[in-house]
Each structure stands twice: as C-alpha cells, then as structure tokens.
C-alpha cells in the first residue's frame, strides 16, 4: 500500500527516527530532509529498498527547502532547538524557518502539513524557546490553516536527553539537583506513541487541529528523579536548588556551551521553562481522539536505563 511521498524535516533526530519508522510501516515513501545526510545513513535500511530517501536541506536556505518539498503529498516538520548555539537560534528555526517551510509547502500544493511544537508554547512567554514556538504556530495557522499542530510534553525513550542525562549524572554525583525544589509537573510521553500519532494524522489528512500529547500520568520533577534512581538501583541525595541558584547554573551552562563541540548542561531559558508545569490542558485533543493508548513511563524506562546500574542488568541492587 503506497500512501504517497511524505517529506520529514528533522527526520534524523531522536523523535525523527521513530516517525520515519512509523511512516514506513503505514506504507509511505519517506524523504528525510536533514542538514547532514551522511550522518543519517542508517535510516535508508528502514523499510523496502528505496522507500526512504535522504536529501540535504536547511530551513535557513530557501532553495534547499524548495527542492526537498517538490512532489510531496505531505510535509512534517520536527526541527527544533533546545538551546541556541552560533547561527542555530530560536528565531531562525522556530520562526523564520517555519515560515519558509509552510510557505513553500503551500506553493507546492501541500495541504497535509504537520508541525511538532511543544506544550507551553505561548506568545507572551518570557522564554525565547516557548515564545518562538508560538510564533511559528501562528504563522502556520495564517498561511496553511489546514495544518495539524502537535504539542507533546517531555518525550522519553531509549535515546532521550532527559532520563539518560540524569541517570548518567547519578553514576558520578552523590546528589541530584531539584531545580525550584522539584515541584514542577510533567506528563512524560513515550516517543513511539508520538510517532504513531504523527503517522496517523499524516495518513488521515490534516484538519487544522491542535493536539496535546502526554502520558497517562502526571509527575512532579522530584517524583521523576525518585523513579529514575529506583530504576538504576542507586541512592542519591535529592537537593532542592532555588530558582535564583538554578538561574546561575544556567548562566554557567551557557558559558560552557559557548565553547566548540560542547553543549550546555542547562541554560537560563530552560530554567524559565522549568518553572512552568508541562501538562496537557483540560479538554485538549490528544491520544484518545486518535485511538492511541499511551504507554506508561514505568513500563518503558526500565528497559533502557539498566545500563546505568553499577553492574548492569545482572546486578540486583547497588548503592
């Protein structure tokens, strides 16, 4: 069953790889548009021979975007930044890049357009990440109203940068910092469930809706750290860090991140986002509308955090 050609921008990232697999499973031919195709060659072995194609594209360069969209029946944008570095900044990708992409999609007659945004996207937010995400959403609604916008909570999975980061920290540090005391709320969602939702929307054809995707349960940041430590069989102090101190840590993270080849461990903009709850709104469209049952966090993370135990999966308990 051939559903046509879908172009996925940002398809080589954490979420992107799962989305490509889900689309292939549904019978799409998938064109993966990435800045460096040579780093994403593993995607070509997904599906049948020739079902996945890699092309070079950068949202900052219109001609490359135009070439990547030609002949597409659907376009999916997964490109996002968690922190700014050099020419890769929020305004360039979340706003101007999205504007280029949605306008080029419309010019090529594409109406089946899916944008992955984020819970907390808000034009009035003091966070540059959240405000630029909201600006991108507004542009999409103005240019191509038929588009579907997906706002996931924090996404977890084997290659995530959340649980893996803190589990790795627990191997070296005697404590885990609880920013703002750890009271902020999250609704972690499994990466494969988000990918399924995107593939289903692409297959059905977009209808101009917003979807908020979260897992079946809400947790505080402190609870997430407690569950992570239980999973990796380690006992560590959970130390509350006031927001003022967290902001200073964000500044230090930005300083270290300004060095070549080093990503910041935290930024002040991320601290602003962590102050807000990251949960699905009441009455928002979500997994139930799509007929998808979200996996629980506890049923998944044990499978990939085992490597952070002192002796791996074969050691029952360690300190």
Protein backbone atom coordinates (compact mmCIF):
# COMPACT_ATOMS: atom_id res chain seq x y z
CA UNK A 1 0.00 0.00 0.00
CA UNK A 2 1.59 3.24 -1.19
CA UNK A 3 0.21 6.34 0.50
CA UNK A 4 2.44 8.68 -1.45
CA UNK A 5 5.51 10.74 -0.62
CA UNK A 6 6.00 12.49 2.71
CA UNK A 7 8.95 14.78 3.40
CA UNK A 8 10.15 14.84 7.01
CA UNK A 9 12.30 17.77 8.06
CA UNK A 10 14.47 16.88 11.05
CA UNK A 11 13.93 13.18 10.49
CA UNK A 12 17.36 12.13 11.76
CA UNK A 13 16.79 13.31 15.33
CA UNK A 14 15.52 11.45 18.39
CA UNK A 15 11.82 11.74 17.50
CA UNK A 16 12.50 11.76 13.76
CA UNK A 17 13.85 8.21 13.61
CA UNK A 18 10.69 6.87 15.22
CA UNK A 19 8.50 8.95 12.92
CA UNK A 20 10.28 7.61 9.84
CA UNK A 21 9.73 4.02 11.04
CA UNK A 22 6.04 4.69 11.75
CA UNK A 23 5.51 6.26 8.31
CA UNK A 24 7.26 3.40 6.54
CA UNK A 25 5.08 0.94 8.42
CA UNK A 26 1.99 2.80 7.16
CA UNK A 27 3.16 2.49 3.56
CA UNK A 28 4.58 5.96 2.87
CA UNK A 29 7.60 6.71 0.75
CA UNK A 30 9.69 8.91 3.04
CA UNK A 31 12.03 11.69 2.04
CA UNK A 32 14.15 12.70 5.04
CA UNK A 33 15.40 16.28 4.79
CA UNK A 34 18.42 16.89 7.03
CA UNK A 35 21.39 19.24 7.15
CA UNK A 36 23.97 16.43 7.01
CA UNK A 37 22.61 13.36 5.16
CA UNK A 38 25.86 11.44 5.61
CA UNK A 39 25.16 11.22 9.35
CA UNK A 40 21.74 9.62 8.86
CA UNK A 41 22.55 6.73 6.52
CA UNK A 42 21.06 4.18 8.95
CA UNK A 43 17.59 5.46 8.05
CA UNK A 44 17.92 4.12 4.50
CA UNK A 45 17.68 0.50 5.68
CA UNK A 46 14.23 1.09 7.19
CA UNK A 47 11.50 -0.39 5.01
CA UNK A 48 11.91 -1.69 1.47
CA UNK A 49 14.75 -0.77 -0.86
CA UNK A 50 14.37 2.86 -1.88
CA UNK A 51 11.43 3.54 0.42
CA UNK A 52 13.50 6.04 2.45
CA UNK A 53 15.45 8.77 0.67
CA UNK A 54 17.88 11.24 2.25
CA UNK A 55 18.20 14.80 0.93
CA UNK A 56 20.16 17.80 2.13
CA UNK A 57 18.09 20.73 3.36
CA UNK A 58 18.43 23.58 5.83
CA UNK A 59 15.48 25.73 6.91
CA UNK A 60 17.71 28.79 6.68
CA UNK A 61 18.19 28.27 2.93
CA UNK A 62 15.01 28.54 0.86
CA UNK A 63 16.28 26.78 -2.25
CA UNK A 64 17.14 23.63 -0.32
CA UNK A 65 13.70 23.63 1.32
CA UNK A 66 12.01 24.11 -2.05
CA UNK A 67 13.90 21.20 -3.59
CA UNK A 68 13.08 18.91 -0.66
CA UNK A 69 9.33 19.53 -0.92
CA UNK A 70 8.91 19.02 -4.69
CA UNK A 71 6.44 16.21 -5.36
CA UNK A 72 5.44 15.72 -1.72
CA UNK A 73 1.93 14.73 -0.69
CA UNK A 74 2.60 15.62 2.96
CA UNK A 75 5.21 17.57 4.93
CA UNK A 76 6.17 17.05 8.58
CA UNK A 77 8.38 19.47 10.50
CA UNK A 78 10.27 18.10 13.50
CA UNK A 79 13.08 20.68 13.51
CA UNK A 80 13.59 22.27 16.92
CA UNK A 81 16.30 23.65 19.16
CA UNK A 82 16.59 23.14 22.91
CA UNK A 83 19.35 25.73 23.16
CA UNK A 84 20.96 28.31 20.90
CA UNK A 85 24.46 27.98 19.52
CA UNK A 86 26.03 30.07 16.79
CA UNK A 87 23.78 30.56 13.77
CA UNK A 88 21.37 27.96 15.13
CA UNK A 89 19.00 30.16 17.12
CA UNK A 90 15.32 30.04 18.06
CA UNK A 91 14.22 32.90 15.83
CA UNK A 92 15.99 31.46 12.78
CA UNK A 93 14.49 27.97 13.06
CA UNK A 94 11.27 28.22 15.08
CA UNK A 95 10.02 31.35 13.28
CA UNK A 96 11.76 32.21 10.00
CA UNK A 97 12.50 28.58 9.19
CA UNK A 98 8.90 27.55 9.84
CA UNK A 99 7.66 30.46 7.72
CA UNK A 100 9.85 29.35 4.82
CA UNK A 101 8.73 25.75 5.15
CA UNK A 102 4.99 26.35 5.36
CA UNK A 103 5.00 28.91 2.52
CA UNK A 104 6.98 26.58 0.26
CA UNK A 105 4.62 23.72 1.15
CA UNK A 106 1.61 25.84 0.19
CA UNK A 107 3.30 26.89 -3.05
CA UNK A 108 3.73 23.23 -3.98
CA UNK A 109 0.08 22.48 -3.23
CA UNK A 110 0.69 20.60 0.01
CA UNK A 111 -2.22 20.88 2.44
CA UNK A 112 -1.27 17.88 4.60
CA UNK A 113 1.19 19.66 6.90
CA UNK A 114 2.13 18.62 10.44
CA UNK A 115 4.14 20.76 12.84
CA UNK A 116 5.57 19.40 16.08
CA UNK A 117 5.62 22.24 18.59
CA UNK A 118 5.71 21.96 22.39
CA UNK A 119 3.46 22.19 25.41
CA UNK A 120 3.88 25.65 26.87
CA UNK A 121 4.18 27.42 23.52
CA UNK A 122 2.99 30.94 24.36
CA UNK A 123 3.41 34.26 22.57
CA UNK A 124 3.62 36.01 25.96
CA UNK A 125 6.16 33.65 27.49
CA UNK A 126 9.39 35.11 28.88
CA UNK A 127 11.15 32.04 27.45
CA UNK A 128 12.56 32.57 23.96
CA UNK A 129 12.05 28.86 23.23
CA UNK A 130 8.34 28.92 24.11
CA UNK A 131 7.56 32.30 22.53
CA UNK A 132 9.25 31.44 19.23
CA UNK A 133 7.44 28.10 19.14
CA UNK A 134 4.17 30.03 19.48
CA UNK A 135 5.19 32.49 16.75
CA UNK A 136 5.81 29.55 14.44
CA UNK A 137 2.38 28.14 15.24
CA UNK A 138 0.72 31.47 14.42
CA UNK A 139 2.49 31.68 11.06
CA UNK A 140 1.33 28.17 10.21
CA UNK A 141 -2.27 28.98 11.10
CA UNK A 142 -2.15 32.16 8.99
CA UNK A 143 -0.53 30.54 5.93
CA UNK A 144 -1.92 26.99 5.93
CA UNK A 145 -4.94 26.68 8.28
CA UNK A 146 -5.45 23.01 7.42
CA UNK A 147 -2.22 22.11 9.24
CA UNK A 148 -2.22 20.00 12.39
CA UNK A 149 -0.02 21.12 15.28
CA UNK A 150 1.22 18.62 17.86
CA UNK A 151 2.32 19.78 21.31
CA UNK A 152 3.97 16.96 23.27
CA UNK A 153 5.07 17.05 26.89
CA UNK A 154 8.61 15.88 27.64
CA UNK A 155 9.38 12.93 25.34
CA UNK A 156 11.16 9.87 26.70
CA UNK A 157 12.67 6.82 25.03
CA UNK A 158 15.92 4.90 24.67
CA UNK A 159 17.83 7.84 23.18
CA UNK A 160 16.22 10.64 25.20
CA UNK A 161 18.20 13.52 26.67
CA UNK A 162 16.18 13.67 29.90
CA UNK A 163 16.33 10.39 31.82
CA UNK A 164 19.65 9.43 30.23
CA UNK A 165 21.18 12.71 31.37
CA UNK A 166 20.13 12.37 35.00
CA UNK A 167 20.84 8.63 35.14
CA UNK A 168 24.35 9.36 33.84
CA UNK A 169 24.70 12.06 36.48
CA UNK A 170 23.79 9.55 39.18
CA UNK A 171 26.82 7.45 38.22
CA UNK A 172 29.20 10.26 39.14
CA UNK A 173 27.45 12.64 41.51
CA UNK A 174 26.41 11.94 45.12
CA UNK A 175 23.35 14.16 44.64
CA UNK A 176 20.72 15.13 42.08
CA UNK A 177 19.64 18.81 41.95
CA UNK A 178 15.93 19.55 42.20
CA UNK A 179 15.51 22.84 40.40
CA UNK A 180 12.98 25.02 42.18
CA UNK A 181 12.51 22.27 44.72
CA UNK A 182 11.32 19.75 42.14
CA UNK A 183 7.64 20.72 42.31
CA UNK A 184 7.13 21.47 38.59
CA UNK A 185 4.76 18.98 36.93
CA UNK A 186 5.40 16.89 33.81
CA UNK A 187 3.42 14.36 31.79
CA UNK A 188 6.12 12.30 30.06
CA UNK A 189 5.11 10.77 26.75
CA UNK A 190 6.72 7.80 25.00
CA UNK A 191 8.48 8.70 21.76
CA UNK A 192 6.92 5.81 19.85
CA UNK A 193 3.42 6.95 20.83
CA UNK A 194 4.13 10.44 19.49
CA UNK A 195 5.46 8.91 16.26
CA UNK A 196 2.31 6.80 15.88
CA UNK A 197 0.15 9.89 16.35
CA UNK A 198 2.06 11.78 13.66
CA UNK A 199 1.83 8.88 11.21
CA UNK A 200 -1.90 8.51 11.84
CA UNK A 201 -2.56 12.21 11.23
CA UNK A 202 -0.50 12.11 8.04
CA UNK A 203 -2.48 9.12 6.81
CA UNK A 204 -5.88 10.61 7.59
CA UNK A 205 -5.04 14.04 6.22
CA UNK A 206 -4.73 17.08 8.45
CA UNK A 207 -7.80 19.04 9.56
CA UNK A 208 -6.48 22.18 11.25
CA UNK A 209 -6.41 20.87 14.82
CA UNK A 210 -4.08 21.24 17.78
CA UNK A 211 -3.19 18.08 19.68
CA UNK A 212 -1.60 17.96 23.14
CA UNK A 213 0.15 14.68 23.83
CA UNK A 214 1.05 13.47 27.29
CA UNK A 215 1.42 10.14 29.01
CA UNK A 216 -1.23 8.54 31.25
CA UNK A 217 0.13 10.10 34.46
CA UNK A 218 1.40 13.44 35.79
CA UNK A 219 4.56 13.55 37.94
CA UNK A 220 6.50 16.21 39.78
CA UNK A 221 10.15 16.60 38.81
CA UNK A 222 11.08 15.18 42.22
CA UNK A 223 8.97 12.07 41.59
CA UNK A 224 10.64 11.57 38.21
CA UNK A 225 14.07 11.66 39.83
CA UNK A 226 12.97 9.23 42.54
CA UNK A 227 11.65 6.78 39.93
CA UNK A 228 14.84 7.13 37.89
CA UNK A 229 17.02 6.37 40.93
CA UNK A 230 14.88 3.36 41.84
CA UNK A 231 15.25 2.08 38.28
CA UNK A 232 19.05 2.36 38.25
CA UNK A 233 19.30 1.00 41.83
CA UNK A 234 21.18 3.97 43.21
CA UNK A 235 20.72 6.05 46.34
CA UNK A 236 21.48 9.72 45.86
CA UNK A 237 20.63 12.87 47.77
CA UNK A 238 17.90 14.97 46.21
CA UNK A 239 18.91 18.54 46.93
CA UNK A 240 16.44 21.41 46.32
CA UNK A 241 18.01 24.24 44.31
CA UNK A 242 16.24 27.66 44.49
CA UNK A 243 15.36 29.29 41.18
CA UNK A 244 17.93 32.04 41.74
CA UNK A 245 20.67 29.43 42.05
CA UNK A 246 19.24 27.50 39.10
CA UNK A 247 19.45 30.64 37.01
CA UNK A 248 23.14 30.98 37.89
CA UNK A 249 23.70 27.35 36.91
CA UNK A 250 22.02 28.18 33.61
CA UNK A 251 24.47 31.04 33.11
CA UNK A 252 27.40 28.70 33.77
CA UNK A 253 25.90 26.23 31.31
CA UNK A 254 25.73 28.92 28.64
CA UNK A 255 29.37 29.83 29.25
CA UNK A 256 30.49 26.21 28.85
CA UNK A 257 28.19 25.81 25.84
CA UNK A 258 29.89 28.71 24.08
CA UNK A 259 32.96 26.52 23.67
CA UNK A 260 33.30 24.49 20.46
CA UNK A 261 31.76 20.99 20.45
CA UNK A 262 30.26 21.40 23.95
CA UNK A 263 26.52 21.51 24.61
CA UNK A 264 25.29 23.47 27.65
CA UNK A 265 24.07 21.27 30.50
CA UNK A 266 21.47 23.94 31.33
CA UNK A 267 20.53 27.43 30.10
CA UNK A 268 18.67 30.33 31.68
CA UNK A 269 15.96 29.98 29.06
CA UNK A 270 15.46 26.34 30.04
CA UNK A 271 15.17 27.40 33.67
CA UNK A 272 12.31 29.72 32.69
CA UNK A 273 10.51 26.78 31.09
CA UNK A 274 11.12 24.51 34.06
CA UNK A 275 9.25 26.96 36.30
CA UNK A 276 6.02 26.09 34.48
CA UNK A 277 4.03 22.87 34.60
CA UNK A 278 4.31 20.85 31.40
CA UNK A 279 0.98 19.00 31.32
CA UNK A 280 -1.90 18.55 28.88
CA UNK A 281 -4.71 21.10 29.10
CA UNK A 282 -8.24 20.12 30.11
CA UNK A 283 -10.42 19.24 27.10
CA UNK A 284 -7.45 19.31 24.68
CA UNK A 285 -7.47 16.87 21.76
CA UNK A 286 -4.99 14.07 22.38
CA UNK A 287 -4.33 10.36 22.10
CA UNK A 288 -7.94 9.38 22.79
CA UNK A 289 -9.07 11.33 19.72
CA UNK A 290 -6.56 9.36 17.66
CA UNK A 291 -7.44 5.98 19.17
CA UNK A 292 -3.95 5.53 20.65
CA UNK A 293 -3.33 4.20 24.16
CA UNK A 294 -0.26 5.89 25.61
CA UNK A 295 2.36 3.67 27.25
CA UNK A 296 3.20 4.29 30.89
CA UNK A 297 6.62 5.65 31.71
CA UNK A 298 7.38 2.87 34.22
CA UNK A 299 6.76 0.17 31.61
CA UNK A 300 9.41 1.63 29.29
CA UNK A 301 12.30 3.31 31.09
CA UNK A 302 13.49 0.16 32.87
CA UNK A 303 14.37 -1.32 29.50
CA UNK A 304 16.93 1.34 28.62
CA UNK A 305 18.17 2.66 31.97
CA UNK A 306 19.56 -0.74 33.02
CA UNK A 307 22.98 0.22 31.70
CA UNK A 308 23.29 2.85 34.42
CA UNK A 309 23.16 0.27 37.21
CA UNK A 310 26.51 -0.43 38.80
CA UNK A 311 26.72 -3.88 37.25
CA UNK A 312 24.08 -3.52 34.56
CA UNK A 313 21.00 -5.72 34.35
CA UNK A 314 22.66 -8.68 36.07
CA UNK A 315 23.18 -6.95 39.42
CA UNK A 316 20.06 -6.86 41.53
CA UNK A 317 20.89 -3.85 43.66
CA UNK A 318 23.77 -1.43 44.18
CA UNK A 319 24.42 1.74 46.13
